[in-house]
């Protein structure tokens, strides 16, 4: 979680500075954060067992929110392609 926070701060700083790679950094931060959120909530759901899928606990809601995060403002695959494309443009 600390890595995600630092990567987000770095991307925000690059955006504030108007750096050429700011959009790439922001895309990487979002990509990494959405993947980690899904990974953590999937593990939590499994730890809770059957209760992890029920609406009695908040874990199922967190998992759904993590899945939406992966899709919102561009799916992970689209973000990965954007990062690759911008990296190749600079070369």
PDB file of N, CA and C in Angstrom:
ATOM      1  N   UNK A   1       0.820  -1.191   0.000  1.00  0.00           N
ATOM      2  CA  UNK A   1       0.000   0.000   0.000  1.00  0.00           C
ATOM      3  C   UNK A   1       0.867   1.260   0.000  1.00  0.00           C
ATOM      4  N   UNK A   2       2.016   1.167   0.671  1.00  0.00           N
ATOM      5  CA  UNK A   2       2.909   2.332   0.681  1.00  0.00           C
ATOM      6  C   UNK A   2       3.445   2.625  -0.721  1.00  0.00           C
ATOM      7  N   UNK A   3       3.720   1.568  -1.466  1.00  0.00           N
ATOM      8  CA  UNK A   3       4.229   1.758  -2.831  1.00  0.00           C
ATOM      9  C   UNK A   3       3.188   2.446  -3.701  1.00  0.00           C
ATOM     10  N   UNK A   4       1.930   2.061  -3.541  1.00  0.00           N
ATOM     11  CA  UNK A   4       0.855   2.682  -4.317  1.00  0.00           C
ATOM     12  C   UNK A   4       0.732   4.163  -3.959  1.00  0.00           C
ATOM     13  N   UNK A   5       0.791   4.450  -2.677  1.00  0.00           N
ATOM     14  CA  UNK A   5       0.681   5.842  -2.232  1.00  0.00           C
ATOM     15  C   UNK A   5       1.835   6.678  -2.793  1.00  0.00           C
ATOM     16  N   UNK A   6       3.049   6.157  -2.699  1.00  0.00           N
ATOM     17  CA  UNK A   6       4.206   6.899  -3.202  1.00  0.00           C
ATOM     18  C   UNK A   6       4.158   7.081  -4.714  1.00  0.00           C
ATOM     19  N   UNK A   7       3.716   6.044  -5.420  1.00  0.00           N
ATOM     20  CA  UNK A   7       3.595   6.155  -6.875  1.00  0.00           C
ATOM     21  C   UNK A   7       2.544   7.190  -7.258  1.00  0.00           C
ATOM     22  N   UNK A   8       1.462   7.254  -6.493  1.00  0.00           N
ATOM     23  CA  UNK A   8       0.421   8.258  -6.749  1.00  0.00           C
ATOM     24  C   UNK A   8       0.940   9.668  -6.484  1.00  0.00           C
ATOM     25  N   UNK A   9       1.673   9.830  -5.388  1.00  0.00           N
ATOM     26  CA  UNK A   9       2.258  11.141  -5.092  1.00  0.00           C
ATOM     27  C   UNK A   9       3.249  11.558  -6.177  1.00  0.00           C
ATOM     28  N   UNK A  10       4.048  10.596  -6.636  1.00  0.00           N
ATOM     29  CA  UNK A  10       5.024  10.889  -7.686  1.00  0.00           C
ATOM     30  C   UNK A  10       4.322  11.334  -8.966  1.00  0.00           C
ATOM     31  N   UNK A  11       3.252  10.618  -9.325  1.00  0.00           N
ATOM     32  CA  UNK A  11       2.507  10.972 -10.539  1.00  0.00           C
ATOM     33  C   UNK A  11       1.886  12.363 -10.405  1.00  0.00           C
ATOM     34  N   UNK A  12       1.332  12.665  -9.230  1.00  0.00           N
ATOM     35  CA  UNK A  12       0.735  13.987  -9.011  1.00  0.00           C
ATOM     36  C   UNK A  12       1.794  15.083  -9.096  1.00  0.00           C
ATOM     37  N   UNK A  13       2.951  14.809  -8.541  1.00  0.00           N
ATOM     38  CA  UNK A  13       4.037  15.789  -8.608  1.00  0.00           C
ATOM     39  C   UNK A  13       4.469  16.028 -10.052  1.00  0.00           C
ATOM     40  N   UNK A  14       4.583  14.951 -10.824  1.00  0.00           N
ATOM     41  CA  UNK A  14       4.970  15.083 -12.233  1.00  0.00           C
ATOM     42  C   UNK A  14       3.909  15.869 -13.011  1.00  0.00           C
ATOM     43  N   UNK A  15       2.640  15.654 -12.684  1.00  0.00           N
ATOM     44  CA  UNK A  15       1.570  16.421 -13.336  1.00  0.00           C
ATOM     45  C   UNK A  15       1.673  17.898 -12.987  1.00  0.00           C
ATOM     46  N   UNK A  16       1.927  18.194 -11.707  1.00  0.00           N
ATOM     47  CA  UNK A  16       2.075  19.586 -11.282  1.00  0.00           C
ATOM     48  C   UNK A  16       3.249  20.271 -11.978  1.00  0.00           C
ATOM     49  N   UNK A  17       4.317  19.519 -12.192  1.00  0.00           N
ATOM     50  CA  UNK A  17       5.499  20.076 -12.850  1.00  0.00           C
ATOM     51  C   UNK A  17       5.317  20.215 -14.355  1.00  0.00           C
ATOM     52  N   UNK A  18       4.280  19.579 -14.893  1.00  0.00           N
ATOM     53  CA  UNK A  18       4.062  19.613 -16.336  1.00  0.00           C
ATOM     54  C   UNK A  18       5.042  18.745 -17.103  1.00  0.00           C
ATOM     55  N   UNK A  19       5.508  17.690 -16.478  1.00  0.00           N
ATOM     56  CA  UNK A  19       6.496  16.802 -17.100  1.00  0.00           C
ATOM     57  C   UNK A  19       5.890  16.053 -18.278  1.00  0.00           C
ATOM     58  N   UNK A  20       6.742  15.713 -19.220  1.00  0.00           N
ATOM     59  CA  UNK A  20       6.278  15.019 -20.424  1.00  0.00           C
ATOM     60  C   UNK A  20       5.771  13.617 -20.118  1.00  0.00           C
ATOM     61  N   UNK A  21       6.323  12.992 -19.085  1.00  0.00           N
ATOM     62  CA  UNK A  21       5.924  11.626 -18.758  1.00  0.00           C
ATOM     63  C   UNK A  21       4.834  11.564 -17.683  1.00  0.00           C
ATOM     64  N   UNK A  22       4.197  12.673 -17.401  1.00  0.00           N
ATOM     65  CA  UNK A  22       3.216  12.727 -16.317  1.00  0.00           C
ATOM     66  C   UNK A  22       2.024  11.813 -16.571  1.00  0.00           C
ATOM     67  N   UNK A  23       1.523  11.788 -17.792  1.00  0.00           N
ATOM     68  CA  UNK A  23       0.377  10.926 -18.104  1.00  0.00           C
ATOM     69  C   UNK A  23       0.746   9.454 -17.973  1.00  0.00           C
ATOM     70  N   UNK A  24       1.948   9.112 -18.366  1.00  0.00           N
ATOM     71  CA  UNK A  24       2.407   7.726 -18.226  1.00  0.00           C
ATOM     72  C   UNK A  24       2.488   7.355 -16.753  1.00  0.00           C
ATOM     73  N   UNK A  25       3.039   8.248 -15.940  1.00  0.00           N
ATOM     74  CA  UNK A  25       3.148   7.979 -14.507  1.00  0.00           C
ATOM     75  C   UNK A  25       1.770   7.827 -13.865  1.00  0.00           C
ATOM     76  N   UNK A  26       0.823   8.668 -14.261  1.00  0.00           N
ATOM     77  CA  UNK A  26      -0.538   8.570 -13.722  1.00  0.00           C
ATOM     78  C   UNK A  26      -1.195   7.264 -14.146  1.00  0.00           C
ATOM     79  N   UNK A  27      -0.993   6.859 -15.383  1.00  0.00           N
ATOM     80  CA  UNK A  27      -1.555   5.596 -15.861  1.00  0.00           C
ATOM     81  C   UNK A  27      -0.948   4.414 -15.123  1.00  0.00           C
ATOM     82  N   UNK A  28       0.357   4.462 -14.883  1.00  0.00           N
ATOM     83  CA  UNK A  28       1.008   3.391 -14.131  1.00  0.00           C
ATOM     84  C   UNK A  28       0.495   3.320 -12.696  1.00  0.00           C
ATOM     85  N   UNK A  29       0.300   4.471 -12.078  1.00  0.00           N
ATOM     86  CA  UNK A  29      -0.213   4.494 -10.709  1.00  0.00           C
ATOM     87  C   UNK A  29      -1.606   3.889 -10.641  1.00  0.00           C
ATOM     88  N   UNK A  30      -2.462   4.241 -11.581  1.00  0.00           N
ATOM     89  CA  UNK A  30      -3.816   3.700 -11.596  1.00  0.00           C
ATOM     90  C   UNK A  30      -3.808   2.205 -11.881  1.00  0.00           C
ATOM     91  N   UNK A  31      -2.981   1.786 -12.806  1.00  0.00           N
ATOM     92  CA  UNK A  31      -2.886   0.372 -13.161  1.00  0.00           C
ATOM     93  C   UNK A  31      -2.432  -0.455 -11.963  1.00  0.00           C
ATOM     94  N   UNK A  32      -1.386  -0.012 -11.301  1.00  0.00           N
ATOM     95  CA  UNK A  32      -0.863  -0.746 -10.152  1.00  0.00           C
ATOM     96  C   UNK A  32      -1.853  -0.738  -8.985  1.00  0.00           C
ATOM     97  N   UNK A  33      -2.475   0.399  -8.729  1.00  0.00           N
ATOM     98  CA  UNK A  33      -3.432   0.489  -7.625  1.00  0.00           C
ATOM     99  C   UNK A  33      -4.643  -0.404  -7.854  1.00  0.00           C
ATOM    100  N   UNK A  34      -5.154  -0.432  -9.073  1.00  0.00           N
ATOM    101  CA  UNK A  34      -6.334  -1.256  -9.337  1.00  0.00           C
ATOM    102  C   UNK A  34      -5.997  -2.740  -9.251  1.00  0.00           C
ATOM    103  N   UNK A  35      -4.820  -3.122  -9.717  1.00  0.00           N
ATOM    104  CA  UNK A  35      -4.426  -4.532  -9.617  1.00  0.00           C
ATOM    105  C   UNK A  35      -4.229  -4.956  -8.166  1.00  0.00           C
ATOM    106  N   UNK A  36      -3.602  -4.111  -7.380  1.00  0.00           N
ATOM    107  CA  UNK A  36      -3.379  -4.455  -5.975  1.00  0.00           C
ATOM    108  C   UNK A  36      -4.681  -4.471  -5.186  1.00  0.00           C
ATOM    109  N   UNK A  37      -5.593  -3.556  -5.490  1.00  0.00           N
ATOM    110  CA  UNK A  37      -6.887  -3.544  -4.801  1.00  0.00           C
ATOM    111  C   UNK A  37      -7.651  -4.829  -5.078  1.00  0.00           C
ATOM    112  N   UNK A  38      -7.629  -5.274  -6.321  1.00  0.00           N
ATOM    113  CA  UNK A  38      -8.317  -6.521  -6.652  1.00  0.00           C
ATOM    114  C   UNK A  38      -7.640  -7.714  -5.979  1.00  0.00           C
ATOM    115  N   UNK A  39      -6.325  -7.731  -5.973  1.00  0.00           N
ATOM    116  CA  UNK A  39      -5.582  -8.828  -5.351  1.00  0.00           C
ATOM    117  C   UNK A  39      -5.888  -8.928  -3.857  1.00  0.00           C
ATOM    118  N   UNK A  40      -5.846  -7.795  -3.168  1.00  0.00           N
ATOM    119  CA  UNK A  40      -6.073  -7.783  -1.720  1.00  0.00           C
ATOM    120  C   UNK A  40      -7.510  -8.159  -1.386  1.00  0.00           C
ATOM    121  N   UNK A  41      -8.469  -7.606  -2.116  1.00  0.00           N
ATOM    122  CA  UNK A  41      -9.870  -7.914  -1.803  1.00  0.00           C
ATOM    123  C   UNK A  41     -10.236  -9.339  -2.190  1.00  0.00           C
ATOM    124  N   UNK A  42      -9.603  -9.884  -3.218  1.00  0.00           N
ATOM    125  CA  UNK A  42      -9.852 -11.289  -3.567  1.00  0.00           C
ATOM    126  C   UNK A  42      -9.349 -12.202  -2.446  1.00  0.00           C
ATOM    127  N   UNK A  43      -8.164 -11.906  -1.909  1.00  0.00           N
ATOM    128  CA  UNK A  43      -7.651 -12.698  -0.794  1.00  0.00           C
ATOM    129  C   UNK A  43      -8.540 -12.562   0.437  1.00  0.00           C
ATOM    130  N   UNK A  44      -9.006 -11.348   0.709  1.00  0.00           N
ATOM    131  CA  UNK A  44      -9.887 -11.143   1.861  1.00  0.00           C
ATOM    132  C   UNK A  44     -11.186 -11.920   1.699  1.00  0.00           C
ATOM    133  N   UNK A  45     -11.723 -11.932   0.492  1.00  0.00           N
ATOM    134  CA  UNK A  45     -12.951 -12.681   0.227  1.00  0.00           C
ATOM    135  C   UNK A  45     -12.733 -14.162   0.490  1.00  0.00           C
ATOM    136  N   UNK A  46     -11.601 -14.691   0.078  1.00  0.00           N
ATOM    137  CA  UNK A  46     -11.320 -16.101   0.310  1.00  0.00           C
ATOM    138  C   UNK A  46     -11.081 -16.392   1.781  1.00  0.00           C
ATOM    139  N   UNK A  47     -10.465 -15.468   2.492  1.00  0.00           N
ATOM    140  CA  UNK A  47     -10.259 -15.665   3.926  1.00  0.00           C
ATOM    141  C   UNK A  47     -11.579 -15.730   4.681  1.00  0.00           C
ATOM    142  N   UNK A  48     -12.548 -14.962   4.231  1.00  0.00           N
ATOM    143  CA  UNK A  48     -13.857 -14.966   4.869  1.00  0.00           C
ATOM    144  C   UNK A  48     -14.690 -16.175   4.472  1.00  0.00           C
ATOM    145  N   UNK A  49     -14.249 -16.913   3.467  1.00  0.00           N
ATOM    146  CA  UNK A  49     -14.988 -18.093   3.021  1.00  0.00           C
ATOM    147  C   UNK A  49     -16.327 -17.704   2.427  1.00  0.00           C
ATOM    148  N   UNK A  50     -17.358 -18.471   2.763  1.00  0.00           N
ATOM    149  CA  UNK A  50     -18.694 -18.208   2.239  1.00  0.00           C
ATOM    150  C   UNK A  50     -19.239 -16.859   2.666  1.00  0.00           C
ATOM    151  N   UNK A  51     -18.847 -16.408   3.856  1.00  0.00           N
ATOM    152  CA  UNK A  51     -19.302 -15.099   4.334  1.00  0.00           C
ATOM    153  C   UNK A  51     -18.713 -13.962   3.493  1.00  0.00           C
ATOM    154  N   UNK A  52     -17.607 -14.223   2.824  1.00  0.00           N
ATOM    155  CA  UNK A  52     -16.991 -13.198   1.988  1.00  0.00           C
ATOM    156  C   UNK A  52     -17.831 -12.839   0.779  1.00  0.00           C
ATOM    157  N   UNK A  53     -18.733 -13.743   0.396  1.00  0.00           N
ATOM    158  CA  UNK A  53     -19.595 -13.494  -0.761  1.00  0.00           C
ATOM    159  C   UNK A  53     -20.965 -12.963  -0.359  1.00  0.00           C
ATOM    160  N   UNK A  54     -21.285 -13.042   0.909  1.00  0.00           N
ATOM    161  CA  UNK A  54     -22.581 -12.564   1.377  1.00  0.00           C
ATOM    162  C   UNK A  54     -22.578 -11.072   1.605  1.00  0.00           C
ATOM    163  N   UNK A  55     -23.756 -10.520   1.665  1.00  0.00           N
ATOM    164  CA  UNK A  55     -23.872  -9.074   1.866  1.00  0.00           C
ATOM    165  C   UNK A  55     -23.821  -8.688   3.339  1.00  0.00           C
ATOM    166  N   UNK A  56     -23.656  -9.680   4.218  1.00  0.00           N
ATOM    167  CA  UNK A  56     -23.579  -9.384   5.652  1.00  0.00           C
ATOM    168  C   UNK A  56     -22.253  -8.722   6.027  1.00  0.00           C
ATOM    169  N   UNK A  57     -21.236  -8.983   5.236  1.00  0.00           N
ATOM    170  CA  UNK A  57     -19.923  -8.393   5.504  1.00  0.00           C
ATOM    171  C   UNK A  57     -19.592  -7.366   4.419  1.00  0.00           C
ATOM    172  N   UNK A  58     -18.686  -6.479   4.749  1.00  0.00           N
ATOM    173  CA  UNK A  58     -18.285  -5.446   3.790  1.00  0.00           C
ATOM    174  C   UNK A  58     -17.293  -5.962   2.750  1.00  0.00           C
ATOM    175  N   UNK A  59     -16.750  -7.150   2.977  1.00  0.00           N
ATOM    176  CA  UNK A  59     -15.710  -7.674   2.089  1.00  0.00           C
ATOM    177  C   UNK A  59     -16.214  -7.829   0.662  1.00  0.00           C
ATOM    178  N   UNK A  60     -17.431  -8.323   0.503  1.00  0.00           N
ATOM    179  CA  UNK A  60     -17.959  -8.514  -0.854  1.00  0.00           C
ATOM    180  C   UNK A  60     -18.107  -7.171  -1.571  1.00  0.00           C
ATOM    181  N   UNK A  61     -18.492  -6.159  -0.843  1.00  0.00           N
ATOM    182  CA  UNK A  61     -18.634  -4.825  -1.445  1.00  0.00           C
ATOM    183  C   UNK A  61     -17.269  -4.266  -1.858  1.00  0.00           C
ATOM    184  N   UNK A  62     -16.266  -4.490  -1.019  1.00  0.00           N
ATOM    185  CA  UNK A  62     -14.922  -4.026  -1.352  1.00  0.00           C
ATOM    186  C   UNK A  62     -14.407  -4.697  -2.620  1.00  0.00           C
ATOM    187  N   UNK A  63     -14.708  -5.989  -2.774  1.00  0.00           N
ATOM    188  CA  UNK A  63     -14.270  -6.699  -3.971  1.00  0.00           C
ATOM    189  C   UNK A  63     -14.943  -6.128  -5.217  1.00  0.00           C
ATOM    190  N   UNK A  64     -16.240  -5.862  -5.124  1.00  0.00           N
ATOM    191  CA  UNK A  64     -16.963  -5.277  -6.262  1.00  0.00           C
ATOM    192  C   UNK A  64     -16.390  -3.896  -6.594  1.00  0.00           C
ATOM    193  N   UNK A  65     -16.122  -3.105  -5.573  1.00  0.00           N
ATOM    194  CA  UNK A  65     -15.537  -1.780  -5.804  1.00  0.00           C
ATOM    195  C   UNK A  65     -14.160  -1.884  -6.464  1.00  0.00           C
ATOM    196  N   UNK A  66     -13.375  -2.874  -6.064  1.00  0.00           N
ATOM    197  CA  UNK A  66     -12.053  -3.060  -6.663  1.00  0.00           C
ATOM    198  C   UNK A  66     -12.172  -3.451  -8.132  1.00  0.00           C
ATOM    199  N   UNK A  67     -13.147  -4.255  -8.472  1.00  0.00           N
ATOM    200  CA  UNK A  67     -13.357  -4.636  -9.875  1.00  0.00           C
ATOM    201  C   UNK A  67     -13.773  -3.422 -10.704  1.00  0.00           C
ATOM    202  N   UNK A  68     -14.626  -2.578 -10.135  1.00  0.00           N
ATOM    203  CA  UNK A  68     -15.047  -1.366 -10.847  1.00  0.00           C
ATOM    204  C   UNK A  68     -13.851  -0.439 -11.044  1.00  0.00           C
ATOM    205  N   UNK A  69     -12.979  -0.358 -10.052  1.00  0.00           N
ATOM    206  CA  UNK A  69     -11.785   0.480 -10.162  1.00  0.00           C
ATOM    207  C   UNK A  69     -10.913   0.039 -11.331  1.00  0.00           C
ATOM    208  N   UNK A  70     -10.854  -1.262 -11.573  1.00  0.00           N
ATOM    209  CA  UNK A  70     -10.041  -1.783 -12.675  1.00  0.00           C
ATOM    210  C   UNK A  70     -10.627  -1.412 -14.035  1.00  0.00           C
ATOM    211  N   UNK A  71     -11.916  -1.144 -14.093  1.00  0.00           N
ATOM    212  CA  UNK A  71     -12.586  -0.856 -15.360  1.00  0.00           C
ATOM    213  C   UNK A  71     -12.802   0.646 -15.558  1.00  0.00           C
ATOM    214  N   UNK A  72     -13.053   1.369 -14.482  1.00  0.00           N
ATOM    215  CA  UNK A  72     -13.380   2.785 -14.541  1.00  0.00           C
ATOM    216  C   UNK A  72     -12.241   3.574 -15.180  1.00  0.00           C
ATOM    217  N   UNK A  73     -12.568   4.468 -16.072  1.00  0.00           N
ATOM    218  CA  UNK A  73     -11.613   5.320 -16.788  1.00  0.00           C
ATOM    219  C   UNK A  73     -10.590   4.514 -17.575  1.00  0.00           C
ATOM    220  N   UNK A  74     -11.001   3.389 -18.095  1.00  0.00           N
ATOM    221  CA  UNK A  74     -10.112   2.580 -18.932  1.00  0.00           C
ATOM    222  C   UNK A  74      -9.724   1.284 -18.269  1.00  0.00           C
ATOM    223  N   UNK A  75      -9.953   0.210 -18.973  1.00  0.00           N
ATOM    224  CA  UNK A  75      -9.591  -1.102 -18.449  1.00  0.00           C
ATOM    225  C   UNK A  75      -8.073  -1.214 -18.323  1.00  0.00           C
ATOM    226  N   UNK A  76      -7.630  -2.188 -17.548  1.00  0.00           N
ATOM    227  CA  UNK A  76      -6.201  -2.361 -17.316  1.00  0.00           C
ATOM    228  C   UNK A  76      -5.430  -2.568 -18.617  1.00  0.00           C
ATOM    229  N   UNK A  77      -6.021  -3.310 -19.530  1.00  0.00           N
ATOM    230  CA  UNK A  77      -5.341  -3.568 -20.796  1.00  0.00           C
ATOM    231  C   UNK A  77      -5.161  -2.279 -21.597  1.00  0.00           C
ATOM    232  N   UNK A  78      -6.160  -1.421 -21.561  1.00  0.00           N
ATOM    233  CA  UNK A  78      -6.077  -0.140 -22.267  1.00  0.00           C
ATOM    234  C   UNK A  78      -4.991   0.729 -21.645  1.00  0.00           C
ATOM    235  N   UNK A  79      -4.926   0.753 -20.317  1.00  0.00           N
ATOM    236  CA  UNK A  79      -3.884   1.532 -19.649  1.00  0.00           C
ATOM    237  C   UNK A  79      -2.498   0.993 -19.978  1.00  0.00           C
ATOM    238  N   UNK A  80      -2.364  -0.326 -19.989  1.00  0.00           N
ATOM    239  CA  UNK A  80      -1.067  -0.923 -20.317  1.00  0.00           C
ATOM    240  C   UNK A  80      -0.650  -0.558 -21.739  1.00  0.00           C
ATOM    241  N   UNK A  81      -1.591  -0.612 -22.672  1.00  0.00           N
ATOM    242  CA  UNK A  81      -1.277  -0.228 -24.050  1.00  0.00           C
ATOM    243  C   UNK A  81      -0.914   1.251 -24.150  1.00  0.00           C
ATOM    244  N   UNK A  82      -1.593   2.081 -23.365  1.00  0.00           N
ATOM    245  CA  UNK A  82      -1.292   3.519 -23.364  1.00  0.00           C
ATOM    246  C   UNK A  82       0.126   3.773 -22.858  1.00  0.00           C
ATOM    247  N   UNK A  83       0.504   3.078 -21.798  1.00  0.00           N
ATOM    248  CA  UNK A  83       1.850   3.237 -21.250  1.00  0.00           C
ATOM    249  C   UNK A  83       2.894   2.784 -22.259  1.00  0.00           C
ATOM    250  N   UNK A  84       2.658   1.646 -22.876  1.00  0.00           N
ATOM    251  CA  UNK A  84       3.606   1.134 -23.871  1.00  0.00           C
ATOM    252  C   UNK A  84       3.704   2.087 -25.061  1.00  0.00           C
ATOM    253  N   UNK A  85       2.551   2.556 -25.542  1.00  0.00           N
ATOM    254  CA  UNK A  85       2.545   3.471 -26.683  1.00  0.00           C
ATOM    255  C   UNK A  85       3.296   4.754 -26.404  1.00  0.00           C
ATOM    256  N   UNK A  86       3.077   5.329 -25.242  1.00  0.00           N
ATOM    257  CA  UNK A  86       3.764   6.584 -24.909  1.00  0.00           C
ATOM    258  C   UNK A  86       5.251   6.362 -24.675  1.00  0.00           C
ATOM    259  N   UNK A  87       5.593   5.202 -24.151  1.00  0.00           N
ATOM    260  CA  UNK A  87       7.014   4.905 -23.959  1.00  0.00           C
ATOM    261  C   UNK A  87       7.720   4.755 -25.302  1.00  0.00           C
ATOM    262  N   UNK A  88       7.042   4.146 -26.256  1.00  0.00           N
ATOM    263  CA  UNK A  88       7.640   3.975 -27.580  1.00  0.00           C
ATOM    264  C   UNK A  88       7.723   5.295 -28.340  1.00  0.00           C
ATOM    265  N   UNK A  89       6.763   6.202 -28.104  1.00  0.00           N
ATOM    266  CA  UNK A  89       6.785   7.509 -28.774  1.00  0.00           C
ATOM    267  C   UNK A  89       8.024   8.308 -28.400  1.00  0.00           C
ATOM    268  N   UNK A  90       8.466   8.164 -27.167  1.00  0.00           N
ATOM    269  CA  UNK A  90       9.607   8.940 -26.689  1.00  0.00           C
ATOM    270  C   UNK A  90      10.931   8.432 -27.238  1.00  0.00           C
ATOM    271  N   UNK A  91      10.949   7.260 -27.804  1.00  0.00           N
ATOM    272  CA  UNK A  91      12.215   6.687 -28.302  1.00  0.00           C
ATOM    273  C   UNK A  91      12.482   7.071 -29.691  1.00  0.00           C
TER     274      UNK A  91
END
